[in-house]
């Protein structure tokens, strides 16, 4: 069976709370692997968990590997380690999960475990089990079609775009071919309606894998806190094509959801929380782009309160009290990543949701856009300066200098 990597692309570079070392999606059996939750704002009480294709959820301490703090070390991988891995806190909050594939084969594709930034370069390379071949020539495939043949055994996409998303694998004339790998994009399936991480019981929810380049044969799967993996068709929803519709949510629907193909490829999983409570936090189900605005708001079960004043918390600490019940971060930073919840004086508090922040990709276009915005003000400053010197002469340099300095201060404050 060819294992492919489904590469997802986003406008950002994702900052996941689960750190994988070596940082790639595919690994050889008998190699070592380290998975860490130490990147959390507070890693105390977090543990590495996994779901494998045997449909069993387990902790590192259950025999998967050795535990040091919030890090799981696996000294010798086997194919049974193939699965979905994530960080989970003592209170049940989960990080964004990642997919790991372990093969007995002689070839793997060195592909990123986390999503790729649109606009950045990406290098994919064939890696070989010892003994390594003297001839490194390899073929690279996307969605089953040959892309390139490279004598170096590696392929570079200089500027990644959304059209590069797909299932990738490489093939060596002697060593064989890799398992397929997916290129990760943050917003890759399933898509949600309503598009938020928290929901009330009795509300409806739609989950779709239709956004795939080829959604035929893809299905919505989930892992719930009862530690059971199941399909939408097993009774918790109704299936239409690659879409799962849940007409009435219950707390048993809380869990991790993902899209999976007939051949076993999986999307990036996402976390959904369903509560019996009267308050939820309207927070994004997918990661937020650094530099973008983010609005978090308290939503209430009927009857809604007349007083909307609510407190917004991050990692257990009060951030703001807002009379509107919503908080806006105008420019999101990496430091804004964390566990958020809101609290109403009468209705109570919402569950917590982990919000991931992905680093915005720098581009020449954004630089030029900034310069275009600033240039008119600089032009005004220069014109004012020239007029000042001409009008007042050489003896008035200090006042002209003051005028120019004040204009510059005003200019950059406005921009």
Protein backbone atom coordinates (compact mmCIF):
# COMPACT_ATOMS: atom_id res chain seq x y z
CA UNK A 1 0.00 0.00 0.00
CA UNK A 2 1.29 3.45 -0.91
CA UNK A 3 1.13 5.85 2.04
CA UNK A 4 0.71 9.42 0.90
CA UNK A 5 1.04 12.68 2.81
CA UNK A 6 -1.85 15.07 2.46
CA UNK A 7 -0.19 18.48 2.45
CA UNK A 8 -2.37 21.36 3.62
CA UNK A 9 -1.56 24.97 2.93
CA UNK A 10 -2.56 28.08 4.80
CA UNK A 11 -1.74 31.77 4.80
CA UNK A 12 0.21 31.10 7.97
CA UNK A 13 2.70 28.96 9.77
CA UNK A 14 1.08 27.05 12.49
CA UNK A 15 2.28 27.00 16.10
CA UNK A 16 1.05 23.70 17.49
CA UNK A 17 1.24 22.80 21.16
CA UNK A 18 2.43 19.25 20.31
CA UNK A 19 6.10 19.33 19.28
CA UNK A 20 7.40 16.38 17.24
CA UNK A 21 11.12 15.52 16.95
CA UNK A 22 12.25 14.67 14.30
CA UNK A 23 9.74 17.20 12.93
CA UNK A 24 8.22 15.23 10.08
CA UNK A 25 5.04 13.27 9.42
CA UNK A 26 6.64 9.94 8.39
CA UNK A 27 9.12 7.77 10.28
CA UNK A 28 10.89 4.43 9.90
CA UNK A 29 10.13 1.58 12.26
CA UNK A 30 12.90 1.06 14.86
CA UNK A 31 13.69 4.81 14.82
CA UNK A 32 13.13 7.00 17.89
CA UNK A 33 10.56 9.79 18.28
CA UNK A 34 9.93 12.50 20.86
CA UNK A 35 6.54 14.20 21.36
CA UNK A 36 6.27 17.10 23.77
CA UNK A 37 3.58 19.30 25.31
CA UNK A 38 6.20 21.57 26.89
CA UNK A 39 5.28 24.40 24.51
CA UNK A 40 2.05 25.06 26.43
CA UNK A 41 1.77 28.34 28.34
CA UNK A 42 1.45 26.02 31.34
CA UNK A 43 2.54 22.48 30.45
CA UNK A 44 1.96 21.16 33.99
CA UNK A 45 -0.66 18.42 33.93
CA UNK A 46 -0.60 18.00 30.14
CA UNK A 47 0.03 14.56 28.64
CA UNK A 48 0.55 13.10 25.17
CA UNK A 49 -2.37 11.00 23.91
CA UNK A 50 -2.91 9.11 20.69
CA UNK A 51 -5.53 7.34 18.62
CA UNK A 52 -4.28 4.49 16.42
CA UNK A 53 -5.88 2.66 13.54
CA UNK A 54 -6.67 -0.19 15.93
CA UNK A 55 -9.23 2.38 17.20
CA UNK A 56 -7.69 2.53 20.65
CA UNK A 57 -6.88 5.72 22.57
CA UNK A 58 -3.94 5.58 24.98
CA UNK A 59 -1.45 7.66 26.96
CA UNK A 60 2.33 7.60 26.66
CA UNK A 61 2.48 6.05 30.14
CA UNK A 62 0.36 3.07 29.04
CA UNK A 63 3.32 1.46 27.29
CA UNK A 64 3.54 3.75 24.28
CA UNK A 65 6.80 5.30 25.53
CA UNK A 66 8.62 6.74 28.52
CA UNK A 67 7.38 9.95 30.16
CA UNK A 68 9.56 12.86 31.29
CA UNK A 69 7.45 15.80 32.46
CA UNK A 70 5.08 16.52 29.57
CA UNK A 71 7.30 14.78 27.00
CA UNK A 72 6.82 11.28 25.58
CA UNK A 73 9.90 9.48 24.25
CA UNK A 74 9.52 6.43 22.02
CA UNK A 75 12.86 4.62 21.70
CA UNK A 76 11.85 2.18 18.96
CA UNK A 77 8.90 2.91 16.66
CA UNK A 78 6.69 0.24 15.12
CA UNK A 79 3.86 0.47 12.59
CA UNK A 80 1.43 0.24 15.52
CA UNK A 81 2.53 3.77 16.47
CA UNK A 82 0.85 5.16 13.32
CA UNK A 83 -2.01 7.40 14.39
CA UNK A 84 -3.25 10.78 15.60
CA UNK A 85 -1.37 12.42 18.49
CA UNK A 86 -2.33 15.40 20.66
CA UNK A 87 -1.75 17.05 24.04
CA UNK A 88 -4.51 16.82 26.66
CA UNK A 89 -4.74 18.55 30.04
CA UNK A 90 -5.96 17.04 33.32
CA UNK A 91 -9.24 18.93 32.90
CA UNK A 92 -9.83 17.60 29.38
CA UNK A 93 -8.67 20.47 27.12
CA UNK A 94 -6.93 19.27 23.98
CA UNK A 95 -4.35 20.75 21.62
CA UNK A 96 -4.56 20.55 17.84
CA UNK A 97 -3.76 16.92 16.92
CA UNK A 98 -1.22 15.83 14.30
CA UNK A 99 -0.87 12.70 12.15
CA UNK A 100 2.16 10.40 12.41
CA UNK A 101 2.89 7.50 10.03
CA UNK A 102 5.41 4.73 10.77
CA UNK A 103 6.46 2.31 8.03
CA UNK A 104 8.47 -0.90 7.68
CA UNK A 105 9.36 0.17 4.15
CA UNK A 106 12.70 1.42 2.85
CA UNK A 107 11.51 4.91 1.82
CA UNK A 108 9.73 7.77 3.57
CA UNK A 109 8.84 11.27 2.43
CA UNK A 110 10.41 14.00 4.56
CA UNK A 111 7.34 16.21 4.77
CA UNK A 112 6.21 18.68 7.44
CA UNK A 113 4.13 17.47 10.37
CA UNK A 114 2.53 20.92 10.68
CA UNK A 115 0.80 23.03 8.00
CA UNK A 116 2.81 24.89 5.39
CA UNK A 117 2.73 28.66 4.99
CA UNK A 118 1.32 29.92 1.70
CA UNK A 119 4.03 31.98 0.00
CA UNK A 120 6.91 30.16 1.70
CA UNK A 121 9.24 27.63 0.04
CA UNK A 122 8.74 23.92 0.67
CA UNK A 123 11.24 21.12 0.12
CA UNK A 124 10.14 17.49 -0.02
CA UNK A 125 12.78 14.78 -0.06
CA UNK A 126 12.99 11.02 -0.15
CA UNK A 127 14.70 9.53 2.91
CA UNK A 128 16.05 5.97 2.82
CA UNK A 129 16.57 3.21 5.34
CA UNK A 130 20.15 1.88 5.48
CA UNK A 131 21.81 0.86 3.28
CA UNK A 132 21.14 4.09 1.40
CA UNK A 133 21.21 3.94 -2.43
CA UNK A 134 24.12 5.43 -4.39
CA UNK A 135 21.64 6.66 -7.00
CA UNK A 136 19.37 9.25 -5.33
CA UNK A 137 17.13 9.86 -8.36
CA UNK A 138 13.49 9.87 -7.25
CA UNK A 139 10.07 10.61 -8.68
CA UNK A 140 7.63 12.89 -6.85
CA UNK A 141 3.88 12.44 -7.15
CA UNK A 142 0.89 14.57 -6.22
CA UNK A 143 -2.55 12.94 -6.09
CA UNK A 144 -1.11 9.94 -7.98
CA UNK A 145 0.30 11.99 -10.89
CA UNK A 146 4.03 12.40 -11.55
CA UNK A 147 5.23 15.94 -10.78
CA UNK A 148 9.01 15.76 -11.13
CA UNK A 149 11.97 13.43 -11.42
CA UNK A 150 14.94 14.73 -9.43
CA UNK A 151 18.50 13.35 -9.40
CA UNK A 152 19.03 14.80 -5.90
CA UNK A 153 16.03 12.99 -4.45
CA UNK A 154 14.38 16.22 -3.36
CA UNK A 155 11.83 18.60 -4.84
CA UNK A 156 11.37 22.27 -3.96
CA UNK A 157 8.27 24.39 -4.41
CA UNK A 158 9.71 27.91 -4.27
CA UNK A 159 6.44 29.67 -3.47
CA UNK A 160 3.67 27.53 -1.99
CA UNK A 161 0.09 28.26 -3.05
CA UNK A 162 -3.26 26.68 -2.19
CA UNK A 163 -3.19 24.81 -5.51
CA UNK A 164 -0.19 22.83 -4.20
CA UNK A 165 -2.36 21.16 -1.59
CA UNK A 166 -2.77 17.42 -2.08
CA UNK A 167 -1.52 13.88 -1.46
CA UNK A 168 2.23 13.52 -2.02
CA UNK A 169 4.58 10.56 -2.21
CA UNK A 170 7.99 9.77 -3.70
CA UNK A 171 9.34 6.72 -5.52
CA UNK A 172 12.87 5.34 -5.92
CA UNK A 173 13.67 2.89 -8.77
CA UNK A 174 15.32 0.39 -6.39
CA UNK A 175 14.06 1.19 -2.89
CA UNK A 176 10.38 1.50 -3.82
CA UNK A 177 7.89 4.17 -2.83
CA UNK A 178 6.76 5.94 0.30
CA UNK A 179 3.53 5.87 2.12
CA UNK A 180 1.40 8.83 1.01
CA UNK A 181 1.67 12.07 2.89
CA UNK A 182 -0.64 15.02 3.27
CA UNK A 183 0.46 18.62 3.12
CA UNK A 184 -1.24 20.36 5.99
CA UNK A 185 -3.52 23.35 5.73
CA UNK A 186 -5.09 24.72 8.88
CA UNK A 187 -8.58 25.02 7.50
CA UNK A 188 -8.55 21.54 5.96
CA UNK A 189 -11.60 19.44 6.82
CA UNK A 190 -13.89 18.97 8.32
CA UNK A 191 -15.64 22.30 7.87
CA UNK A 192 -18.26 23.20 10.48
CA UNK A 193 -21.58 24.99 10.47
CA UNK A 194 -21.91 26.86 12.81
CA UNK A 195 -18.14 27.44 12.58
CA UNK A 196 -17.18 27.53 16.25
CA UNK A 197 -15.53 25.21 18.76
CA UNK A 198 -18.31 25.19 21.40
CA UNK A 199 -22.00 24.31 21.04
CA UNK A 200 -25.12 23.94 23.18
CA UNK A 201 -26.88 20.62 23.66
CA UNK A 202 -29.98 20.23 21.43
CA UNK A 203 -28.48 22.53 18.77
CA UNK A 204 -27.68 21.20 15.30
CA UNK A 205 -24.25 20.86 13.70
CA UNK A 206 -23.02 20.09 10.20
CA UNK A 207 -19.54 18.67 9.49
CA UNK A 208 -18.31 18.34 5.93
CA UNK A 209 -15.34 16.88 4.06
CA UNK A 210 -16.54 18.40 0.78
CA UNK A 211 -13.62 20.85 0.75
CA UNK A 212 -11.22 18.08 -0.31
CA UNK A 213 -9.64 18.27 -3.77
CA UNK A 214 -11.46 14.96 -4.21
CA UNK A 215 -14.05 14.45 -1.47
CA UNK A 216 -15.32 11.16 -2.94
CA UNK A 217 -14.80 8.36 -0.44
CA UNK A 218 -14.03 10.68 2.48
CA UNK A 219 -16.01 10.34 5.71
CA UNK A 220 -16.33 12.21 9.00
CA UNK A 221 -14.90 10.32 11.98
CA UNK A 222 -14.63 11.18 15.66
CA UNK A 223 -13.02 10.19 18.93
CA UNK A 224 -15.03 10.99 22.07
CA UNK A 225 -14.04 11.05 25.73
CA UNK A 226 -15.64 7.62 26.10
CA UNK A 227 -12.51 6.60 24.14
CA UNK A 228 -14.51 5.26 21.24
CA UNK A 229 -13.82 6.02 17.56
CA UNK A 230 -16.80 5.94 15.23
CA UNK A 231 -18.21 7.16 11.91
CA UNK A 232 -21.13 9.49 11.37
CA UNK A 233 -23.03 6.57 9.84
CA UNK A 234 -22.79 4.60 13.11
CA UNK A 235 -25.81 6.41 14.54
CA UNK A 236 -24.72 9.81 15.85
CA UNK A 237 -25.51 11.67 12.62
CA UNK A 238 -27.00 11.39 9.13
CA UNK A 239 -24.74 11.20 6.07
CA UNK A 240 -25.19 13.07 2.78
CA UNK A 241 -22.21 12.56 0.48
CA UNK A 242 -19.18 13.55 2.56
CA UNK A 243 -21.24 15.64 4.99
CA UNK A 244 -22.42 14.60 8.46
CA UNK A 245 -25.48 16.32 9.93
CA UNK A 246 -26.27 16.13 13.65
CA UNK A 247 -29.82 17.34 14.32
CA UNK A 248 -29.62 17.42 18.13
CA UNK A 249 -26.28 17.63 19.94
CA UNK A 250 -25.59 16.05 23.33
CA UNK A 251 -22.54 16.19 25.60
CA UNK A 252 -21.56 12.78 24.25
CA UNK A 253 -20.72 14.53 20.95
CA UNK A 254 -17.79 16.32 22.64
CA UNK A 255 -14.58 15.06 21.05
CA UNK A 256 -12.05 15.18 18.23
CA UNK A 257 -13.37 15.15 14.64
CA UNK A 258 -11.54 14.60 11.36
CA UNK A 259 -11.99 13.55 7.72
CA UNK A 260 -10.66 10.16 6.63
CA UNK A 261 -10.41 8.65 3.15
CA UNK A 262 -11.18 5.08 2.10
CA UNK A 263 -7.43 4.40 1.86
CA UNK A 264 -6.75 5.71 5.38
CA UNK A 265 -5.46 9.26 4.83
CA UNK A 266 -6.61 11.66 7.54
CA UNK A 267 -7.14 15.39 7.75
CA UNK A 268 -6.05 17.59 10.63
CA UNK A 269 -8.46 16.81 13.49
CA UNK A 270 -10.31 19.56 15.34
CA UNK A 271 -11.87 19.75 18.80
CA UNK A 272 -15.60 20.24 19.47
CA UNK A 273 -17.15 20.80 22.90
CA UNK A 274 -20.88 20.40 23.64
CA UNK A 275 -22.25 21.64 26.97
CA UNK A 276 -25.47 21.45 29.01
CA UNK A 277 -24.58 24.84 30.48
CA UNK A 278 -26.13 28.21 29.75
CA UNK A 279 -22.96 29.84 28.36
CA UNK A 280 -20.52 29.04 25.55
CA UNK A 281 -17.57 30.94 24.14
CA UNK A 282 -17.90 31.78 20.45
CA UNK A 283 -14.32 30.92 19.49
CA UNK A 284 -12.80 29.75 16.18
CA UNK A 285 -12.61 26.04 15.43
CA UNK A 286 -9.47 26.56 13.31
CA UNK A 287 -6.22 28.40 14.17
CA UNK A 288 -6.09 32.20 14.01
CA UNK A 289 -3.60 34.06 11.81
CA UNK A 290 -1.07 36.25 13.61
CA UNK A 291 -1.77 39.88 12.72
CA UNK A 292 -5.48 39.32 12.11
CA UNK A 293 -8.25 40.56 14.43
CA UNK A 294 -10.06 38.09 16.69
CA UNK A 295 -13.40 38.60 18.41
CA UNK A 296 -14.47 36.32 21.26
CA UNK A 297 -17.99 36.58 22.64
CA UNK A 298 -20.20 34.94 25.21
CA UNK A 299 -23.25 33.22 23.72
CA UNK A 300 -26.24 32.34 25.91
CA UNK A 301 -28.89 29.68 25.93
CA UNK A 302 -32.48 31.05 25.93
CA UNK A 303 -33.69 32.99 27.79
CA UNK A 304 -30.83 35.37 27.09
CA UNK A 305 -29.84 37.81 29.86
CA UNK A 306 -30.72 41.51 29.62
CA UNK A 307 -27.33 42.33 31.14
CA UNK A 308 -24.64 41.18 28.69
CA UNK A 309 -21.65 42.14 30.85
CA UNK A 310 -19.15 39.28 30.85
CA UNK A 311 -15.62 38.53 31.99
CA UNK A 312 -13.15 37.06 29.49
CA UNK A 313 -10.33 34.82 30.76
CA UNK A 314 -7.12 33.42 29.31
CA UNK A 315 -5.34 30.53 31.04
CA UNK A 316 -7.49 31.14 34.13
CA UNK A 317 -6.58 34.84 34.48
CA UNK A 318 -9.07 37.67 33.93
CA UNK A 319 -8.32 39.61 30.74
CA UNK A 320 -11.26 42.00 30.37
CA UNK A 321 -14.75 42.77 31.61
CA UNK A 322 -16.97 43.90 28.73
CA UNK A 323 -20.52 45.29 28.89
CA UNK A 324 -21.17 43.92 25.38
CA UNK A 325 -20.09 40.40 26.35
CA UNK A 326 -17.43 40.33 23.64
CA UNK A 327 -13.72 41.04 23.46
CA UNK A 328 -11.70 41.96 20.37
CA UNK A 329 -7.98 41.48 19.94
CA UNK A 330 -7.26 43.88 17.07
CA UNK A 331 -3.92 42.35 16.13
CA UNK A 332 -3.36 38.75 17.23
CA UNK A 333 0.12 37.78 18.45
CA UNK A 334 1.68 34.39 19.21
CA UNK A 335 1.46 35.33 22.89
CA UNK A 336 -2.35 35.38 22.58
CA UNK A 337 -2.39 31.59 22.15
CA UNK A 338 -3.96 29.80 25.11
CA UNK A 339 -7.08 28.53 26.90
CA UNK A 340 -9.99 30.97 26.85
CA UNK A 341 -13.38 31.04 28.55
CA UNK A 342 -15.97 33.63 29.51
CA UNK A 343 -18.11 34.16 32.62
CA UNK A 344 -21.50 35.85 33.14
CA UNK A 345 -22.59 36.99 36.64
CA UNK A 346 -25.98 35.23 36.36
CA UNK A 347 -25.62 32.59 33.64
CA UNK A 348 -22.30 31.16 34.81
CA UNK A 349 -19.20 30.36 32.78
CA UNK A 350 -18.41 28.65 29.49
CA UNK A 351 -16.15 25.64 28.92
CA UNK A 352 -12.54 26.42 27.98
CA UNK A 353 -11.30 26.35 24.38
CA UNK A 354 -7.73 26.24 23.16
CA UNK A 355 -7.03 28.96 20.58
CA UNK A 356 -4.00 28.39 18.35
CA UNK A 357 -2.22 31.32 16.72
CA UNK A 358 -0.30 30.84 13.49
CA UNK A 359 2.51 33.15 12.39
CA UNK A 360 1.65 35.43 9.49
CA UNK A 361 3.81 34.93 6.42
CA UNK A 362 5.97 37.95 5.51
CA UNK A 363 5.73 38.94 1.86
CA UNK A 364 7.12 41.61 -0.44
CA UNK A 365 3.52 42.48 -1.24
CA UNK A 366 2.73 43.31 2.39
CA UNK A 367 5.92 45.40 2.62
CA UNK A 368 5.04 47.32 -0.54
CA UNK A 369 1.50 47.82 0.73
CA UNK A 370 2.85 49.33 3.96
CA UNK A 371 5.22 51.60 2.06
CA UNK A 372 2.41 52.74 -0.23
CA UNK A 373 0.35 53.63 2.83
CA UNK A 374 3.19 55.59 4.46
CA UNK A 375 4.60 57.27 1.30
CA UNK A 376 1.96 60.03 0.94
CA UNK A 377 2.66 61.17 4.49
CA UNK A 378 6.42 61.15 3.89
CA UNK A 379 5.85 63.17 0.73
CA UNK A 380 3.82 65.76 2.67
CA UNK A 381 6.60 65.95 5.27
CA UNK A 382 9.28 66.56 2.62
CA UNK A 383 7.20 69.23 0.86
CA UNK A 384 6.55 71.02 4.17
CA UNK A 385 10.24 70.92 4.99
CA UNK A 386 11.30 72.37 1.64
CA UNK A 387 8.71 75.15 1.87
CA UNK A 388 9.81 75.96 5.41
CA UNK A 389 13.47 76.33 4.48
CA UNK A 390 12.70 78.41 1.41
CA UNK A 391 10.41 80.73 3.34
CA UNK A 392 12.54 81.26 6.43
CA UNK A 393 16.07 80.83 5.17
CA UNK A 394 19.12 79.30 6.75
CA UNK A 395 18.68 81.03 10.14
CA UNK A 396 15.41 79.26 10.81
CA UNK A 397 16.69 75.70 10.70
CA UNK A 398 15.77 74.88 14.28
CA UNK A 399 12.10 75.84 13.87
CA UNK A 400 11.95 74.06 10.53
CA UNK A 401 13.55 71.02 12.12
CA UNK A 402 10.89 71.15 14.81
CA UNK A 403 8.17 71.36 12.18
CA UNK A 404 9.57 68.37 10.30
CA UNK A 405 9.97 66.30 13.48
CA UNK A 406 6.42 67.05 14.61
CA UNK A 407 5.10 66.24 11.15
CA UNK A 408 6.95 62.93 11.15
CA UNK A 409 5.57 62.07 14.57
CA UNK A 410 2.07 62.89 13.38
CA UNK A 411 2.61 60.97 10.16
CA UNK A 412 3.62 57.69 11.78
CA UNK A 413 0.99 57.99 14.48
CA UNK A 414 -1.69 58.21 11.80
CA UNK A 415 -0.28 55.32 9.78
